Amino acid sequence: MHTRIAMERAAAPNRDRPANTEPEWYCLRSQPKHEHIAAAHLRMLEGVSVFCPRIRFKRRTRQGLAWVTEAMFPGYLFAFFELAEMHRLVRYAHGVSGIIQFGGRYPRIGEETLAQLRDHIGAAEVKELNYKLSQGDQVKIIEGAFVGSEAVVTHVLPAKERVKVLMDFLGREMEAEVDCSTVLRQVAHPLAA
């Protein structure tokens, strides 16, 4: 009886194991805020290439403006590997939450799609978003006497690294000159800049 069950299991196709034997690009889901950790562990696996694009931008902190680096696609990264052979190693790598699948299928990502993204990001896989202020930009003052005030840039003074802003102060419009580092351009998301 045990032999018959073992033979039936051996003859049945392995449903847990994907059928694709060619290396392809796949999208992986990472654990929250662990994209870089998942990428580092996947890069240690032989036969796996990783693309984990990130963005670097200025964010307001308690100490003022600071440069931060975050995943371009929070919670996701890309890996090139042979699915049938490497499925378990990739799926259970430290920091990886899963391989994206739809209805039991693992969608492949075209090389040309990632090549365009790589060209835009650069070899370091980090795209720096530089907030060059220009006339008419909506800004928020994050340091100094006018902290918390919203204003509009009226003049950029590049030699002094300062800007003139127009703001509503005590019920009337006034113009003030402030350091560029004390204002933060108002955008909904860093990629919208």
C-alpha atoms as a PDB file:
ATOM      1  CA  MET A   1       0.000   0.000   0.000  1.00  0.00           C
ATOM      2  CA  HIS A   2       2.753   2.501   0.930  1.00  0.00           C
ATOM      3  CA  THR A   3       4.628   1.653  -2.265  1.00  0.00           C
ATOM      4  CA  ARG A   4       1.557   2.357  -4.415  1.00  0.00           C
ATOM      5  CA  ILE A   5       1.045   5.807  -2.763  1.00  0.00           C
ATOM      6  CA  ALA A   6       4.729   6.642  -3.209  1.00  0.00           C
ATOM      7  CA  MET A   7       4.565   5.618  -6.901  1.00  0.00           C
ATOM      8  CA  GLU A   8       1.419   7.732  -7.458  1.00  0.00           C
ATOM      9  CA  ARG A   9       3.093  10.770  -5.873  1.00  0.00           C
ATOM     10  CA  ALA A  10       6.204  10.275  -7.997  1.00  0.00           C
ATOM     11  CA  ALA A  11       4.112   9.989 -11.174  1.00  0.00           C
ATOM     12  CA  ALA A  12       1.969  13.067 -10.391  1.00  0.00           C
ATOM     13  CA  PRO A  13       3.353  16.411 -11.599  1.00  0.00           C
ATOM     14  CA  ASN A  14       4.858  18.568  -8.876  1.00  0.00           C
ATOM     15  CA  ARG A  15       2.307  21.364  -8.474  1.00  0.00           C
ATOM     16  CA  ASP A  16       4.535  23.415  -6.202  1.00  0.00           C
ATOM     17  CA  ARG A  17       7.305  23.589  -8.754  1.00  0.00           C
ATOM     18  CA  PRO A  18       6.927  26.055 -11.675  1.00  0.00           C
ATOM     19  CA  ALA A  19       7.529  24.680 -15.175  1.00  0.00           C
ATOM     20  CA  ASN A  20       9.629  27.504 -16.717  1.00  0.00           C
ATOM     21  CA  THR A  21      13.258  26.443 -17.190  1.00  0.00           C
ATOM     22  CA  GLU A  22      14.588  29.568 -18.974  1.00  0.00           C
ATOM     23  CA  PRO A  23      16.019  32.450 -16.906  1.00  0.00           C
ATOM     24  CA  GLU A  24      13.659  35.436 -16.958  1.00  0.00           C
ATOM     25  CA  TRP A  25      13.002  38.639 -15.036  1.00  0.00           C
ATOM     26  CA  TYR A  26      10.345  38.377 -12.316  1.00  0.00           C
ATOM     27  CA  CYS A  27       8.879  40.832  -9.851  1.00  0.00           C
ATOM     28  CA  LEU A  28       9.351  39.944  -6.180  1.00  0.00           C
ATOM     29  CA  ARG A  29       7.536  41.297  -3.156  1.00  0.00           C
ATOM     30  CA  SER A  30       9.757  42.196  -0.232  1.00  0.00           C
ATOM     31  CA  GLN A  31       9.008  42.475   3.430  1.00  0.00           C
ATOM     32  CA  PRO A  32       8.097  46.065   4.362  1.00  0.00           C
ATOM     33  CA  LYS A  33      11.092  48.435   4.065  1.00  0.00           C
ATOM     34  CA  HIS A  34      13.400  45.448   3.321  1.00  0.00           C
ATOM     35  CA  GLU A  35      13.906  45.850  -0.448  1.00  0.00           C
ATOM     36  CA  HIS A  36      17.641  46.504  -0.029  1.00  0.00           C
ATOM     37  CA  ILE A  37      18.028  43.552   2.372  1.00  0.00           C
ATOM     38  CA  ALA A  38      16.223  41.195  -0.009  1.00  0.00           C
ATOM     39  CA  ALA A  39      18.388  42.462  -2.890  1.00  0.00           C
ATOM     40  CA  ALA A  40      21.613  41.893  -0.921  1.00  0.00           C
ATOM     41  CA  HIS A  41      20.659  38.307  -0.020  1.00  0.00           C
ATOM     42  CA  LEU A  42      19.495  37.501  -3.546  1.00  0.00           C
ATOM     43  CA  ARG A  43      22.790  38.795  -4.986  1.00  0.00           C
ATOM     44  CA  MET A  44      24.580  36.118  -2.920  1.00  0.00           C
ATOM     45  CA  LEU A  45      22.721  33.355  -4.778  1.00  0.00           C
ATOM     46  CA  GLU A  46      24.479  31.923  -7.804  1.00  0.00           C
ATOM     47  CA  GLY A  47      22.413  32.308 -10.972  1.00  0.00           C
ATOM     48  CA  VAL A  48      20.356  35.266  -9.708  1.00  0.00           C
ATOM     49  CA  SER A  49      20.678  38.877 -10.908  1.00  0.00           C
ATOM     50  CA  VAL A  50      18.855  41.652  -9.068  1.00  0.00           C
ATOM     51  CA  PHE A  51      17.571  45.093  -9.986  1.00  0.00           C
ATOM     52  CA  CYS A  52      16.341  47.175  -7.048  1.00  0.00           C
ATOM     53  CA  PRO A  53      15.930  50.807  -8.194  1.00  0.00           C
ATOM     54  CA  ARG A  54      15.953  53.458  -5.477  1.00  0.00           C
ATOM     55  CA  ILE A  55      15.419  57.201  -5.259  1.00  0.00           C
ATOM     56  CA  ARG A  56      17.409  59.690  -3.205  1.00  0.00           C
ATOM     57  CA  PHE A  57      15.724  62.919  -2.174  1.00  0.00           C
ATOM     58  CA  LYS A  58      15.571  65.517   0.570  1.00  0.00           C
ATOM     59  CA  ARG A  59      13.060  65.057   3.367  1.00  0.00           C
ATOM     60  CA  ARG A  60      12.265  67.196   6.345  1.00  0.00           C
ATOM     61  CA  THR A  61      13.462  65.740   9.649  1.00  0.00           C
ATOM     62  CA  ARG A  62      13.681  67.117  13.174  1.00  0.00           C
ATOM     63  CA  GLN A  63      17.230  68.256  12.384  1.00  0.00           C
ATOM     64  CA  GLY A  64      16.142  70.012   9.158  1.00  0.00           C
ATOM     65  CA  LEU A  65      16.471  68.778   5.581  1.00  0.00           C
ATOM     66  CA  ALA A  66      18.232  65.444   5.178  1.00  0.00           C
ATOM     67  CA  TRP A  67      18.953  63.222   2.184  1.00  0.00           C
ATOM     68  CA  VAL A  68      17.101  59.888   2.333  1.00  0.00           C
ATOM     69  CA  THR A  69      17.186  56.870   0.027  1.00  0.00           C
ATOM     70  CA  GLU A  70      14.084  54.745  -0.486  1.00  0.00           C
ATOM     71  CA  ALA A  71      12.895  52.081  -2.896  1.00  0.00           C
ATOM     72  CA  MET A  72      11.470  53.473  -6.123  1.00  0.00           C
ATOM     73  CA  PHE A  73       8.779  50.788  -5.935  1.00  0.00           C
ATOM     74  CA  PRO A  74       8.153  50.334  -2.192  1.00  0.00           C
ATOM     75  CA  GLY A  75       7.792  46.651  -1.376  1.00  0.00           C
ATOM     76  CA  TYR A  76       9.007  45.376  -4.777  1.00  0.00           C
ATOM     77  CA  LEU A  77      12.217  44.492  -6.620  1.00  0.00           C
ATOM     78  CA  PHE A  78      13.173  42.557  -9.754  1.00  0.00           C
ATOM     79  CA  ALA A  79      15.210  39.360 -10.111  1.00  0.00           C
ATOM     80  CA  PHE A  80      16.508  37.396 -13.127  1.00  0.00           C
ATOM     81  CA  PHE A  81      16.651  33.646 -12.516  1.00  0.00           C
ATOM     82  CA  GLU A  82      15.507  30.237 -13.705  1.00  0.00           C
ATOM     83  CA  LEU A  83      12.134  29.830 -12.038  1.00  0.00           C
ATOM     84  CA  ALA A  84      11.917  26.024 -12.048  1.00  0.00           C
ATOM     85  CA  GLU A  85      15.357  25.550 -10.497  1.00  0.00           C
ATOM     86  CA  MET A  86      15.629  28.587  -8.200  1.00  0.00           C
ATOM     87  CA  HIS A  87      11.998  29.083  -7.090  1.00  0.00           C
ATOM     88  CA  ARG A  88      12.440  27.945  -3.482  1.00  0.00           C
ATOM     89  CA  LEU A  89      15.809  29.639  -2.951  1.00  0.00           C
ATOM     90  CA  VAL A  90      14.500  32.958  -4.244  1.00  0.00           C
ATOM     91  CA  ARG A  91      11.099  32.702  -2.548  1.00  0.00           C
ATOM     92  CA  TYR A  92      12.609  32.016   0.878  1.00  0.00           C
ATOM     93  CA  ALA A  93      15.605  34.369   0.662  1.00  0.00           C
ATOM     94  CA  HIS A  94      15.917  36.724   3.631  1.00  0.00           C
ATOM     95  CA  GLY A  95      13.779  39.831   3.089  1.00  0.00           C
ATOM     96  CA  VAL A  96      11.668  38.303   0.285  1.00  0.00           C
ATOM     97  CA  SER A  97       7.955  37.967   0.961  1.00  0.00           C
ATOM     98  CA  GLY A  98       7.044  36.235  -2.306  1.00  0.00           C
ATOM     99  CA  ILE A  99       7.236  36.068  -6.082  1.00  0.00           C
ATOM    100  CA  ILE A 100       4.409  37.945  -7.758  1.00  0.00           C
ATOM    101  CA  GLN A 101       1.909  35.603  -9.376  1.00  0.00           C
ATOM    102  CA  PHE A 102      -1.540  35.922 -10.901  1.00  0.00           C
ATOM    103  CA  GLY A 103      -3.805  32.900 -10.937  1.00  0.00           C
ATOM    104  CA  GLY A 104      -0.924  30.496 -10.384  1.00  0.00           C
ATOM    105  CA  ARG A 105       1.162  32.064 -13.199  1.00  0.00           C
ATOM    106  CA  TYR A 106       4.390  33.975 -12.659  1.00  0.00           C
ATOM    107  CA  PRO A 107       4.381  36.938 -15.081  1.00  0.00           C
ATOM    108  CA  ARG A 108       7.720  37.631 -16.736  1.00  0.00           C
ATOM    109  CA  ILE A 109       9.021  41.152 -17.231  1.00  0.00           C
ATOM    110  CA  GLY A 110      10.530  42.052 -20.606  1.00  0.00           C
ATOM    111  CA  GLU A 111      14.236  42.841 -20.709  1.00  0.00           C
ATOM    112  CA  GLU A 112      13.512  45.983 -22.761  1.00  0.00           C
ATOM    113  CA  THR A 113      11.207  47.350 -20.042  1.00  0.00           C
ATOM    114  CA  LEU A 114      13.874  46.996 -17.367  1.00  0.00           C
ATOM    115  CA  ALA A 115      16.571  48.280 -19.749  1.00  0.00           C
ATOM    116  CA  GLN A 116      14.669  51.556 -20.136  1.00  0.00           C
ATOM    117  CA  LEU A 117      14.319  51.859 -16.384  1.00  0.00           C
ATOM    118  CA  ARG A 118      18.024  51.025 -15.885  1.00  0.00           C
ATOM    119  CA  ASP A 119      19.021  53.701 -18.428  1.00  0.00           C
ATOM    120  CA  HIS A 120      16.949  56.259 -16.547  1.00  0.00           C
ATOM    121  CA  ILE A 121      18.248  55.244 -13.092  1.00  0.00           C
ATOM    122  CA  GLY A 122      21.925  54.625 -13.896  1.00  0.00           C
ATOM    123  CA  ALA A 123      24.422  51.919 -12.951  1.00  0.00           C
ATOM    124  CA  ALA A 124      24.294  52.695  -9.222  1.00  0.00           C
ATOM    125  CA  GLU A 125      20.531  51.901  -9.205  1.00  0.00           C
ATOM    126  CA  VAL A 126      19.872  55.212  -7.419  1.00  0.00           C
ATOM    127  CA  LYS A 127      18.126  58.189  -9.025  1.00  0.00           C
ATOM    128  CA  GLU A 128      18.804  61.451  -7.223  1.00  0.00           C
ATOM    129  CA  LEU A 129      15.851  63.801  -7.318  1.00  0.00           C
ATOM    130  CA  ASN A 130      17.206  67.307  -7.175  1.00  0.00           C
ATOM    131  CA  TYR A 131      14.794  70.018  -6.170  1.00  0.00           C
ATOM    132  CA  LYS A 132      16.011  73.068  -8.053  1.00  0.00           C
ATOM    133  CA  LEU A 133      13.788  75.902  -6.971  1.00  0.00           C
ATOM    134  CA  SER A 134      12.402  78.197  -9.621  1.00  0.00           C
ATOM    135  CA  GLN A 135      10.154  81.233  -9.725  1.00  0.00           C
ATOM    136  CA  GLY A 136       6.530  80.327  -9.010  1.00  0.00           C
ATOM    137  CA  ASP A 137       7.259  77.173  -6.959  1.00  0.00           C
ATOM    138  CA  GLN A 138       5.010  76.538  -3.968  1.00  0.00           C
ATOM    139  CA  VAL A 139       7.225  75.987  -0.892  1.00  0.00           C
ATOM    140  CA  LYS A 140       6.909  75.416   2.826  1.00  0.00           C
ATOM    141  CA  ILE A 141       9.341  77.105   5.199  1.00  0.00           C
ATOM    142  CA  ILE A 142      10.830  74.460   7.505  1.00  0.00           C
ATOM    143  CA  GLU A 143      13.291  76.521   9.588  1.00  0.00           C
ATOM    144  CA  GLY A 144      13.631  79.974  11.040  1.00  0.00           C
ATOM    145  CA  ALA A 145      11.157  82.626  12.142  1.00  0.00           C
ATOM    146  CA  PHE A 146       8.559  81.705   9.509  1.00  0.00           C
ATOM    147  CA  VAL A 147       8.602  77.919  10.109  1.00  0.00           C
ATOM    148  CA  GLY A 148       5.399  76.242   8.918  1.00  0.00           C
ATOM    149  CA  SER A 149       4.442  79.082   6.568  1.00  0.00           C
ATOM    150  CA  GLU A 150       3.575  78.354   2.963  1.00  0.00           C
ATOM    151  CA  ALA A 151       4.958  80.695   0.336  1.00  0.00           C
ATOM    152  CA  VAL A 152       5.627  81.213  -3.368  1.00  0.00           C
ATOM    153  CA  VAL A 153       9.152  81.738  -4.741  1.00  0.00           C
ATOM    154  CA  THR A 154       9.383  85.151  -6.412  1.00  0.00           C
ATOM    155  CA  HIS A 155      13.149  85.297  -7.135  1.00  0.00           C
ATOM    156  CA  VAL A 156      15.979  82.755  -7.068  1.00  0.00           C
ATOM    157  CA  LEU A 157      19.316  84.169  -5.905  1.00  0.00           C
ATOM    158  CA  PRO A 158      21.787  81.402  -6.891  1.00  0.00           C
ATOM    159  CA  ALA A 159      24.958  83.308  -5.912  1.00  0.00           C
ATOM    160  CA  LYS A 160      23.721  83.604  -2.312  1.00  0.00           C
ATOM    161  CA  GLU A 161      21.915  80.219  -2.281  1.00  0.00           C
ATOM    162  CA  ARG A 162      18.823  82.073  -1.194  1.00  0.00           C
ATOM    163  CA  VAL A 163      15.325  82.741  -2.530  1.00  0.00           C
ATOM    164  CA  LYS A 164      12.820  85.528  -2.136  1.00  0.00           C
ATOM    165  CA  VAL A 165       9.393  84.252  -1.176  1.00  0.00           C
ATOM    166  CA  LEU A 166       5.976  85.854  -1.004  1.00  0.00           C
ATOM    167  CA  MET A 167       3.810  84.731   1.900  1.00  0.00           C
ATOM    168  CA  ASP A 168       0.800  85.695   3.926  1.00  0.00           C
ATOM    169  CA  PHE A 169       2.001  86.938   7.332  1.00  0.00           C
ATOM    170  CA  LEU A 170      -0.387  88.342   9.947  1.00  0.00           C
ATOM    171  CA  GLY A 171      -3.083  88.910   7.359  1.00  0.00           C
ATOM    172  CA  ARG A 172      -1.002  90.686   4.743  1.00  0.00           C
ATOM    173  CA  GLU A 173       1.325  89.649   1.940  1.00  0.00           C
ATOM    174  CA  MET A 174       5.016  90.172   2.539  1.00  0.00           C
ATOM    175  CA  GLU A 175       8.229  89.236   0.778  1.00  0.00           C
ATOM    176  CA  ALA A 176      11.185  87.729   2.631  1.00  0.00           C
ATOM    177  CA  GLU A 177      14.613  86.418   1.661  1.00  0.00           C
ATOM    178  CA  VAL A 178      15.479  82.967   3.065  1.00  0.00           C
ATOM    179  CA  ASP A 179      18.122  80.261   2.594  1.00  0.00           C
ATOM    180  CA  CYS A 180      17.295  77.624  -0.021  1.00  0.00           C
ATOM    181  CA  SER A 181      17.930  74.960   2.633  1.00  0.00           C
ATOM    182  CA  THR A 182      15.104  76.328   4.802  1.00  0.00           C
ATOM    183  CA  VAL A 183      12.358  75.778   2.235  1.00  0.00           C
ATOM    184  CA  LEU A 184      10.906  72.551   0.922  1.00  0.00           C
ATOM    185  CA  ARG A 185       9.204  72.447  -2.460  1.00  0.00           C
ATOM    186  CA  GLN A 186       5.625  71.208  -2.155  1.00  0.00           C
ATOM    187  CA  VAL A 187       5.130  68.018  -4.190  1.00  0.00           C
ATOM    188  CA  ALA A 188       2.715  65.160  -3.591  1.00  0.00           C
ATOM    189  CA  HIS A 189       5.378  62.464  -4.058  1.00  0.00           C
ATOM    190  CA  PRO A 190       9.144  62.619  -4.780  1.00  0.00           C
ATOM    191  CA  LEU A 191       8.595  61.097  -8.237  1.00  0.00           C
ATOM    192  CA  ALA A 192       6.165  63.879  -9.098  1.00  0.00           C
ATOM    193  CA  ALA A 193       9.021  66.397  -9.033  1.00  0.00           C
END
